[in-house]
Amino acid sequence: MVHVLPKIDSTTYRPVLETAGEEVLAGCRCAECGGEAFRLTKRWVKRGLRRLQGDGPGVIAVRQAVCRRCKHCERVHPLDVLPGKTASVELPLAVVEARQCPGATVSAVSHRFGVARATVRNWEQGLATRYLDLQELTRHRALLASAETPTTAVKRVRRAVVAEIERTSQIASTRFVADPRRTDEEERREALRLLLELTKSLGGAHGAADVGAARFRQAVSGSRRSSSCSRA
């Protein structure tokens, strides 16, 4: 889990965070204890970042914050930097959108964006799968745990996220409907088409990321690693 800052992307992140106070984390919650008070440490962690508009792989340094209640530490990300990913939020969606064009081969798109052909295929497959996951989640209801619920009894619930997306976007008009007459490839391409429509309704990849950052202030990586933190 990382904290995500709305209205601050990777191009403005460094100068803002160098002088920011704790108020920049208003609205964030600790992933361990639910605390809302944080202290920005002096530690910056370098990580890879490849932007849509760039000359290849780059590096960004992100600052860390520590919870004042339980001392748990998490990174603080700009809105366009995804946890556990080296591509900015715009790049995979731009690649997938390019592949939707008639005649756009994997090789051509790979060359255009400077990414491996396997990466193009992985992004197509992964984003289609995540969109179908989102559609499945909208069909289920769940209860949110209270602050008093023991950690061992807390079930991670994403229904609130889905409900907020439905309220602020056009997801109802981009609902995926399976069609047994379509091949797996055609089903995947339909899911990607609807995902791109949904993203466009939120203002594009950057706008969608900003909406998420403003509403939820957190992002989670699929492959969670322990975070170490300097007490500086």
C-alpha atoms as a PDB file:
ATOM      1  CA  MET A   1       0.000   0.000   0.000  1.00  0.00           C
ATOM      2  CA  VAL A   2       1.180   3.526  -0.767  1.00  0.00           C
ATOM      3  CA  HIS A   3      -0.250   6.971  -0.109  1.00  0.00           C
ATOM      4  CA  VAL A   4      -1.250   8.802  -3.304  1.00  0.00           C
ATOM      5  CA  LEU A   5      -1.431  12.567  -3.680  1.00  0.00           C
ATOM      6  CA  PRO A   6      -4.144  14.148  -5.873  1.00  0.00           C
ATOM      7  CA  LYS A   7      -3.256  17.054  -8.178  1.00  0.00           C
ATOM      8  CA  ILE A   8       0.454  16.203  -7.905  1.00  0.00           C
ATOM      9  CA  ASP A   9       2.010  14.176 -10.706  1.00  0.00           C
ATOM     10  CA  SER A  10       5.575  13.023 -11.313  1.00  0.00           C
ATOM     11  CA  THR A  11       6.538  16.272 -13.063  1.00  0.00           C
ATOM     12  CA  THR A  12       5.692  18.453 -10.029  1.00  0.00           C
ATOM     13  CA  TYR A  13       6.232  15.936  -7.231  1.00  0.00           C
ATOM     14  CA  ARG A  14       9.830  16.683  -6.169  1.00  0.00           C
ATOM     15  CA  PRO A  15       9.582  20.460  -5.604  1.00  0.00           C
ATOM     16  CA  VAL A  16       6.268  20.065  -3.763  1.00  0.00           C
ATOM     17  CA  LEU A  17       7.424  17.250  -1.459  1.00  0.00           C
ATOM     18  CA  GLU A  18      10.747  18.906  -0.644  1.00  0.00           C
ATOM     19  CA  THR A  19       8.929  21.684   1.201  1.00  0.00           C
ATOM     20  CA  ALA A  20       5.625  19.972   2.074  1.00  0.00           C
ATOM     21  CA  GLY A  21       4.357  19.634   5.602  1.00  0.00           C
ATOM     22  CA  GLU A  22       2.159  16.950   7.095  1.00  0.00           C
ATOM     23  CA  GLU A  23      -0.934  18.648   5.675  1.00  0.00           C
ATOM     24  CA  VAL A  24      -0.118  17.117   2.279  1.00  0.00           C
ATOM     25  CA  LEU A  25      -1.185  13.747   3.733  1.00  0.00           C
ATOM     26  CA  ALA A  26      -4.563  14.964   4.992  1.00  0.00           C
ATOM     27  CA  GLY A  27      -7.160  12.304   4.296  1.00  0.00           C
ATOM     28  CA  CYS A  28      -4.666   9.430   4.167  1.00  0.00           C
ATOM     29  CA  ARG A  29      -4.960   6.412   6.471  1.00  0.00           C
ATOM     30  CA  CYS A  30      -2.371   4.004   7.771  1.00  0.00           C
ATOM     31  CA  ALA A  31      -2.651   0.575   6.133  1.00  0.00           C
ATOM     32  CA  GLU A  32      -1.759  -1.104   9.442  1.00  0.00           C
ATOM     33  CA  CYS A  33      -3.770   0.675  12.133  1.00  0.00           C
ATOM     34  CA  GLY A  34      -6.043   3.125  10.329  1.00  0.00           C
ATOM     35  CA  GLY A  35      -4.325   6.119  11.876  1.00  0.00           C
ATOM     36  CA  GLU A  36      -4.594   9.498  10.158  1.00  0.00           C
ATOM     37  CA  ALA A  37      -1.568  11.334  11.586  1.00  0.00           C
ATOM     38  CA  PHE A  38       1.746  11.017   9.742  1.00  0.00           C
ATOM     39  CA  ARG A  39       5.252  12.410   9.777  1.00  0.00           C
ATOM     40  CA  LEU A  40       7.181  12.850   6.561  1.00  0.00           C
ATOM     41  CA  THR A  41      10.637  11.349   6.982  1.00  0.00           C
ATOM     42  CA  LYS A  42      13.833  12.611   5.380  1.00  0.00           C
ATOM     43  CA  ARG A  43      14.209   9.383   3.427  1.00  0.00           C
ATOM     44  CA  TRP A  44      13.683   9.323  -0.335  1.00  0.00           C
ATOM     45  CA  VAL A  45      13.551   6.001  -2.204  1.00  0.00           C
ATOM     46  CA  LYS A  46      14.547   5.825  -5.860  1.00  0.00           C
ATOM     47  CA  ARG A  47      12.456   3.696  -8.200  1.00  0.00           C
ATOM     48  CA  GLY A  48      12.112   3.299 -11.946  1.00  0.00           C
ATOM     49  CA  LEU A  49       9.577   5.307 -13.918  1.00  0.00           C
ATOM     50  CA  ARG A  50       8.868   5.372 -17.639  1.00  0.00           C
ATOM     51  CA  ARG A  51       6.525   8.125 -18.766  1.00  0.00           C
ATOM     52  CA  LEU A  52       4.452   8.259 -21.923  1.00  0.00           C
ATOM     53  CA  GLN A  53       6.273  11.409 -22.976  1.00  0.00           C
ATOM     54  CA  GLY A  54       9.884  10.506 -22.310  1.00  0.00           C
ATOM     55  CA  ASP A  55      13.141   9.240 -23.735  1.00  0.00           C
ATOM     56  CA  GLY A  56      13.040   5.803 -22.180  1.00  0.00           C
ATOM     57  CA  PRO A  57      13.357   4.459 -18.632  1.00  0.00           C
ATOM     58  CA  GLY A  58      13.952   7.030 -15.943  1.00  0.00           C
ATOM     59  CA  VAL A  59      14.098   7.279 -12.165  1.00  0.00           C
ATOM     60  CA  ILE A  60      11.979   9.108  -9.607  1.00  0.00           C
ATOM     61  CA  ALA A  61      12.682   9.472  -5.896  1.00  0.00           C
ATOM     62  CA  VAL A  62       9.605   9.184  -3.664  1.00  0.00           C
ATOM     63  CA  ARG A  63       9.420  10.311  -0.068  1.00  0.00           C
ATOM     64  CA  GLN A  64       8.355   8.119   2.846  1.00  0.00           C
ATOM     65  CA  ALA A  65       5.926   8.852   5.658  1.00  0.00           C
ATOM     66  CA  VAL A  66       5.589   7.147   9.033  1.00  0.00           C
ATOM     67  CA  CYS A  67       2.378   6.702  11.002  1.00  0.00           C
ATOM     68  CA  ARG A  68       2.558   8.514  14.342  1.00  0.00           C
ATOM     69  CA  ARG A  69       0.425   5.860  16.038  1.00  0.00           C
ATOM     70  CA  CYS A  70       2.017   2.552  15.038  1.00  0.00           C
ATOM     71  CA  LYS A  71       5.235   3.725  13.281  1.00  0.00           C
ATOM     72  CA  HIS A  72       4.322   1.844  10.096  1.00  0.00           C
ATOM     73  CA  CYS A  73       6.018   3.351   7.053  1.00  0.00           C
ATOM     74  CA  GLU A  74       4.704   3.733   3.517  1.00  0.00           C
ATOM     75  CA  ARG A  75       5.836   5.545   0.412  1.00  0.00           C
ATOM     76  CA  VAL A  76       4.124   8.710  -0.812  1.00  0.00           C
ATOM     77  CA  HIS A  77       3.427   8.614  -4.564  1.00  0.00           C
ATOM     78  CA  PRO A  78       2.363  11.178  -7.136  1.00  0.00           C
ATOM     79  CA  LEU A  79      -0.910  10.299  -8.823  1.00  0.00           C
ATOM     80  CA  ASP A  80       0.635   8.866 -11.996  1.00  0.00           C
ATOM     81  CA  VAL A  81       3.133   6.483 -10.349  1.00  0.00           C
ATOM     82  CA  LEU A  82       1.761   3.009  -9.699  1.00  0.00           C
ATOM     83  CA  PRO A  83       3.045   0.865  -6.806  1.00  0.00           C
ATOM     84  CA  GLY A  84       5.185  -2.007  -8.005  1.00  0.00           C
ATOM     85  CA  LYS A  85       5.141  -0.784 -11.631  1.00  0.00           C
ATOM     86  CA  THR A  86       7.809   1.098 -13.573  1.00  0.00           C
ATOM     87  CA  ALA A  87       5.439   2.503 -16.232  1.00  0.00           C
ATOM     88  CA  SER A  88       3.431   5.636 -15.510  1.00  0.00           C
ATOM     89  CA  VAL A  89      -0.344   5.256 -15.514  1.00  0.00           C
ATOM     90  CA  GLU A  90      -0.672   6.774 -19.010  1.00  0.00           C
ATOM     91  CA  LEU A  91       1.730   4.454 -20.852  1.00  0.00           C
ATOM     92  CA  PRO A  92      -0.075   1.067 -20.654  1.00  0.00           C
ATOM     93  CA  LEU A  93      -3.415   2.641 -21.569  1.00  0.00           C
ATOM     94  CA  ALA A  94      -1.871   4.478 -24.529  1.00  0.00           C
ATOM     95  CA  VAL A  95      -0.328   1.219 -25.750  1.00  0.00           C
ATOM     96  CA  VAL A  96      -3.616  -0.654 -25.418  1.00  0.00           C
ATOM     97  CA  GLU A  97      -5.509   2.138 -27.180  1.00  0.00           C
ATOM     98  CA  ALA A  98      -3.034   2.057 -30.069  1.00  0.00           C
ATOM     99  CA  ARG A  99      -3.542  -1.688 -30.402  1.00  0.00           C
ATOM    100  CA  GLN A 100      -7.293  -1.148 -30.797  1.00  0.00           C
ATOM    101  CA  CYS A 101      -6.714   0.564 -34.144  1.00  0.00           C
ATOM    102  CA  PRO A 102      -7.365  -1.700 -37.161  1.00  0.00           C
ATOM    103  CA  GLY A 103      -4.146  -3.170 -38.498  1.00  0.00           C
ATOM    104  CA  ALA A 104      -2.024  -2.142 -35.485  1.00  0.00           C
ATOM    105  CA  THR A 105       0.238  -5.132 -34.890  1.00  0.00           C
ATOM    106  CA  VAL A 106       2.018  -5.939 -31.658  1.00  0.00           C
ATOM    107  CA  SER A 107       5.361  -5.321 -33.375  1.00  0.00           C
ATOM    108  CA  ALA A 108       4.323  -1.909 -34.713  1.00  0.00           C
ATOM    109  CA  VAL A 109       2.971  -0.725 -31.367  1.00  0.00           C
ATOM    110  CA  SER A 110       6.029  -2.127 -29.578  1.00  0.00           C
ATOM    111  CA  HIS A 111       8.318  -0.124 -31.860  1.00  0.00           C
ATOM    112  CA  ARG A 112       6.230   3.048 -31.598  1.00  0.00           C
ATOM    113  CA  PHE A 113       6.272   3.151 -27.797  1.00  0.00           C
ATOM    114  CA  GLY A 114       9.674   1.567 -27.247  1.00  0.00           C
ATOM    115  CA  VAL A 115       8.439  -1.357 -25.150  1.00  0.00           C
ATOM    116  CA  ALA A 116       8.920  -5.095 -25.613  1.00  0.00           C
ATOM    117  CA  ARG A 117       6.351  -7.070 -27.589  1.00  0.00           C
ATOM    118  CA  ALA A 118       5.772  -9.292 -24.568  1.00  0.00           C
ATOM    119  CA  THR A 119       4.998  -6.168 -22.531  1.00  0.00           C
ATOM    120  CA  VAL A 120       2.367  -5.081 -25.054  1.00  0.00           C
ATOM    121  CA  ARG A 121       0.696  -8.488 -24.826  1.00  0.00           C
ATOM    122  CA  ASN A 122       0.905  -8.536 -21.024  1.00  0.00           C
ATOM    123  CA  TRP A 123      -0.685  -5.096 -20.741  1.00  0.00           C
ATOM    124  CA  GLU A 124      -3.523  -6.083 -23.053  1.00  0.00           C
ATOM    125  CA  GLN A 125      -4.198  -9.287 -21.161  1.00  0.00           C
ATOM    126  CA  GLY A 126      -3.738  -7.724 -17.729  1.00  0.00           C
ATOM    127  CA  LEU A 127      -5.906  -4.646 -18.285  1.00  0.00           C
ATOM    128  CA  ALA A 128      -8.692  -6.693 -19.864  1.00  0.00           C
ATOM    129  CA  THR A 129      -8.624  -9.067 -16.889  1.00  0.00           C
ATOM    130  CA  ARG A 130      -8.663  -6.205 -14.362  1.00  0.00           C
ATOM    131  CA  TYR A 131     -11.611  -4.589 -16.118  1.00  0.00           C
ATOM    132  CA  LEU A 132     -13.554  -7.839 -16.036  1.00  0.00           C
ATOM    133  CA  ASP A 133     -12.661  -8.139 -12.328  1.00  0.00           C
ATOM    134  CA  LEU A 134     -14.142  -4.669 -11.802  1.00  0.00           C
ATOM    135  CA  GLN A 135     -17.329  -5.656 -13.592  1.00  0.00           C
ATOM    136  CA  GLU A 136     -17.623  -8.767 -11.429  1.00  0.00           C
ATOM    137  CA  LEU A 137     -17.178  -6.724  -8.257  1.00  0.00           C
ATOM    138  CA  THR A 138     -20.095  -4.460  -9.140  1.00  0.00           C
ATOM    139  CA  ARG A 139     -22.399  -7.480  -8.936  1.00  0.00           C
ATOM    140  CA  HIS A 140     -21.575  -8.238  -5.290  1.00  0.00           C
ATOM    141  CA  ARG A 141     -22.247  -6.423  -2.056  1.00  0.00           C
ATOM    142  CA  ALA A 142     -20.114  -6.380   1.073  1.00  0.00           C
ATOM    143  CA  LEU A 143     -20.063  -4.738   4.496  1.00  0.00           C
ATOM    144  CA  LEU A 144     -17.335  -2.323   5.513  1.00  0.00           C
ATOM    145  CA  ALA A 145     -15.598  -3.143   8.778  1.00  0.00           C
ATOM    146  CA  SER A 146     -15.705  -0.546  11.538  1.00  0.00           C
ATOM    147  CA  ALA A 147     -12.587   0.994  13.052  1.00  0.00           C
ATOM    148  CA  GLU A 148     -13.077  -1.253  16.107  1.00  0.00           C
ATOM    149  CA  THR A 149     -12.995  -4.489  14.106  1.00  0.00           C
ATOM    150  CA  PRO A 150      -9.901  -6.572  14.962  1.00  0.00           C
ATOM    151  CA  THR A 151      -7.309  -6.744  12.208  1.00  0.00           C
ATOM    152  CA  THR A 152      -7.679 -10.527  12.040  1.00  0.00           C
ATOM    153  CA  ALA A 153     -11.375 -10.156  11.292  1.00  0.00           C
ATOM    154  CA  VAL A 154     -11.068  -7.491   8.619  1.00  0.00           C
ATOM    155  CA  LYS A 155     -11.792  -8.619   5.095  1.00  0.00           C
ATOM    156  CA  ARG A 156     -10.406  -6.386   2.372  1.00  0.00           C
ATOM    157  CA  VAL A 157     -13.455  -4.944   0.627  1.00  0.00           C
ATOM    158  CA  ARG A 158     -13.432  -3.124  -2.693  1.00  0.00           C
ATOM    159  CA  ARG A 159     -17.161  -2.515  -2.990  1.00  0.00           C
ATOM    160  CA  ALA A 160     -16.751   1.072  -1.772  1.00  0.00           C
ATOM    161  CA  VAL A 161     -14.262   1.731  -4.547  1.00  0.00           C
ATOM    162  CA  VAL A 162     -16.603   0.361  -7.182  1.00  0.00           C
ATOM    163  CA  ALA A 163     -19.561   2.331  -5.797  1.00  0.00           C
ATOM    164  CA  GLU A 164     -17.556   5.550  -5.949  1.00  0.00           C
ATOM    165  CA  ILE A 165     -16.490   4.878  -9.532  1.00  0.00           C
ATOM    166  CA  GLU A 166     -20.101   4.214 -10.487  1.00  0.00           C
ATOM    167  CA  ARG A 167     -21.181   7.469  -8.855  1.00  0.00           C
ATOM    168  CA  THR A 168     -18.565   9.628 -10.557  1.00  0.00           C
ATOM    169  CA  SER A 169     -18.281   8.027 -13.985  1.00  0.00           C
ATOM    170  CA  GLN A 170     -20.122   6.378 -16.820  1.00  0.00           C
ATOM    171  CA  ILE A 171     -19.373   2.798 -15.760  1.00  0.00           C
ATOM    172  CA  ALA A 172     -23.056   1.895 -16.007  1.00  0.00           C
ATOM    173  CA  SER A 173     -22.956   2.625 -19.741  1.00  0.00           C
ATOM    174  CA  THR A 174     -19.719   0.676 -20.200  1.00  0.00           C
ATOM    175  CA  ARG A 175     -20.909  -2.543 -18.560  1.00  0.00           C
ATOM    176  CA  PHE A 176     -19.395  -5.640 -20.116  1.00  0.00           C
ATOM    177  CA  VAL A 177     -21.872  -8.226 -21.399  1.00  0.00           C
ATOM    178  CA  ALA A 178     -20.417 -11.608 -22.277  1.00  0.00           C
ATOM    179  CA  ASP A 179     -21.375 -12.987 -25.668  1.00  0.00           C
ATOM    180  CA  PRO A 180     -20.910 -16.733 -26.287  1.00  0.00           C
ATOM    181  CA  ARG A 181     -20.666 -16.030 -30.016  1.00  0.00           C
ATOM    182  CA  ARG A 182     -17.409 -14.122 -29.521  1.00  0.00           C
ATOM    183  CA  THR A 183     -13.974 -15.750 -29.352  1.00  0.00           C
ATOM    184  CA  ASP A 184     -11.730 -15.202 -26.322  1.00  0.00           C
ATOM    185  CA  GLU A 185      -9.765 -12.647 -28.343  1.00  0.00           C
ATOM    186  CA  GLU A 186     -12.942 -10.772 -29.292  1.00  0.00           C
ATOM    187  CA  GLU A 187     -14.119 -10.792 -25.674  1.00  0.00           C
ATOM    188  CA  ARG A 188     -10.788  -9.357 -24.555  1.00  0.00           C
ATOM    189  CA  ARG A 189     -10.868  -6.624 -27.176  1.00  0.00           C
ATOM    190  CA  GLU A 190     -14.424  -5.686 -26.162  1.00  0.00           C
ATOM    191  CA  ALA A 191     -13.366  -5.447 -22.524  1.00  0.00           C
ATOM    192  CA  LEU A 192     -10.458  -3.185 -23.502  1.00  0.00           C
ATOM    193  CA  ARG A 193     -12.728  -1.000 -25.631  1.00  0.00           C
ATOM    194  CA  LEU A 194     -15.072  -0.475 -22.698  1.00  0.00           C
ATOM    195  CA  LEU A 195     -12.163   0.171 -20.341  1.00  0.00           C
ATOM    196  CA  LEU A 196     -10.885   2.903 -22.648  1.00  0.00           C
ATOM    197  CA  GLU A 197     -14.380   4.421 -22.798  1.00  0.00           C
ATOM    198  CA  LEU A 198     -14.569   4.435 -19.010  1.00  0.00           C
ATOM    199  CA  THR A 199     -11.129   6.016 -18.733  1.00  0.00           C
ATOM    200  CA  LYS A 200     -12.077   8.691 -21.272  1.00  0.00           C
ATOM    201  CA  SER A 201     -15.222   9.511 -19.258  1.00  0.00           C
ATOM    202  CA  LEU A 202     -12.981  10.256 -16.263  1.00  0.00           C
ATOM    203  CA  GLY A 203     -10.748  12.630 -18.219  1.00  0.00           C
ATOM    204  CA  GLY A 204      -8.227  10.176 -19.644  1.00  0.00           C
ATOM    205  CA  ALA A 205      -5.615   8.124 -17.813  1.00  0.00           C
ATOM    206  CA  HIS A 206      -4.280  11.137 -15.897  1.00  0.00           C
ATOM    207  CA  GLY A 207      -7.763  12.319 -14.971  1.00  0.00           C
ATOM    208  CA  ALA A 208      -8.847   8.857 -13.865  1.00  0.00           C
ATOM    209  CA  ALA A 209      -5.757   8.538 -11.672  1.00  0.00           C
ATOM    210  CA  ASP A 210      -6.477  11.942 -10.135  1.00  0.00           C
ATOM    211  CA  VAL A 211     -10.076  10.954  -9.371  1.00  0.00           C
ATOM    212  CA  GLY A 212      -8.821   7.821  -7.626  1.00  0.00           C
ATOM    213  CA  ALA A 213      -6.186   9.723  -5.679  1.00  0.00           C
ATOM    214  CA  ALA A 214      -8.688  12.349  -4.521  1.00  0.00           C
ATOM    215  CA  ARG A 215     -11.334   9.807  -3.489  1.00  0.00           C
ATOM    216  CA  PHE A 216      -9.210   7.126  -1.854  1.00  0.00           C
ATOM    217  CA  ARG A 217      -5.686   8.512  -1.249  1.00  0.00           C
ATOM    218  CA  GLN A 218      -4.171   5.005  -1.464  1.00  0.00           C
ATOM    219  CA  ALA A 219      -3.064   2.455  -4.033  1.00  0.00           C
ATOM    220  CA  VAL A 220      -2.077  -1.160  -3.547  1.00  0.00           C
ATOM    221  CA  SER A 221       0.401  -3.344  -5.388  1.00  0.00           C
ATOM    222  CA  GLY A 222      -0.487  -6.874  -6.413  1.00  0.00           C
ATOM    223  CA  SER A 223       2.872  -8.062  -5.083  1.00  0.00           C
ATOM    224  CA  ARG A 224       3.249  -6.627  -1.590  1.00  0.00           C
ATOM    225  CA  ARG A 225       6.694  -6.367  -0.077  1.00  0.00           C
ATOM    226  CA  SER A 226       7.609  -5.280   3.404  1.00  0.00           C
ATOM    227  CA  SER A 227       8.524  -1.623   3.608  1.00  0.00           C
ATOM    228  CA  SER A 228      11.516  -0.514   5.609  1.00  0.00           C
ATOM    229  CA  CYS A 229      11.674   3.013   6.936  1.00  0.00           C
ATOM    230  CA  SER A 230      14.325   5.261   8.322  1.00  0.00           C
ATOM    231  CA  ARG A 231      13.268   6.972  11.544  1.00  0.00           C
ATOM    232  CA  ALA A 232      15.031  10.138  10.414  1.00  0.00           C
END
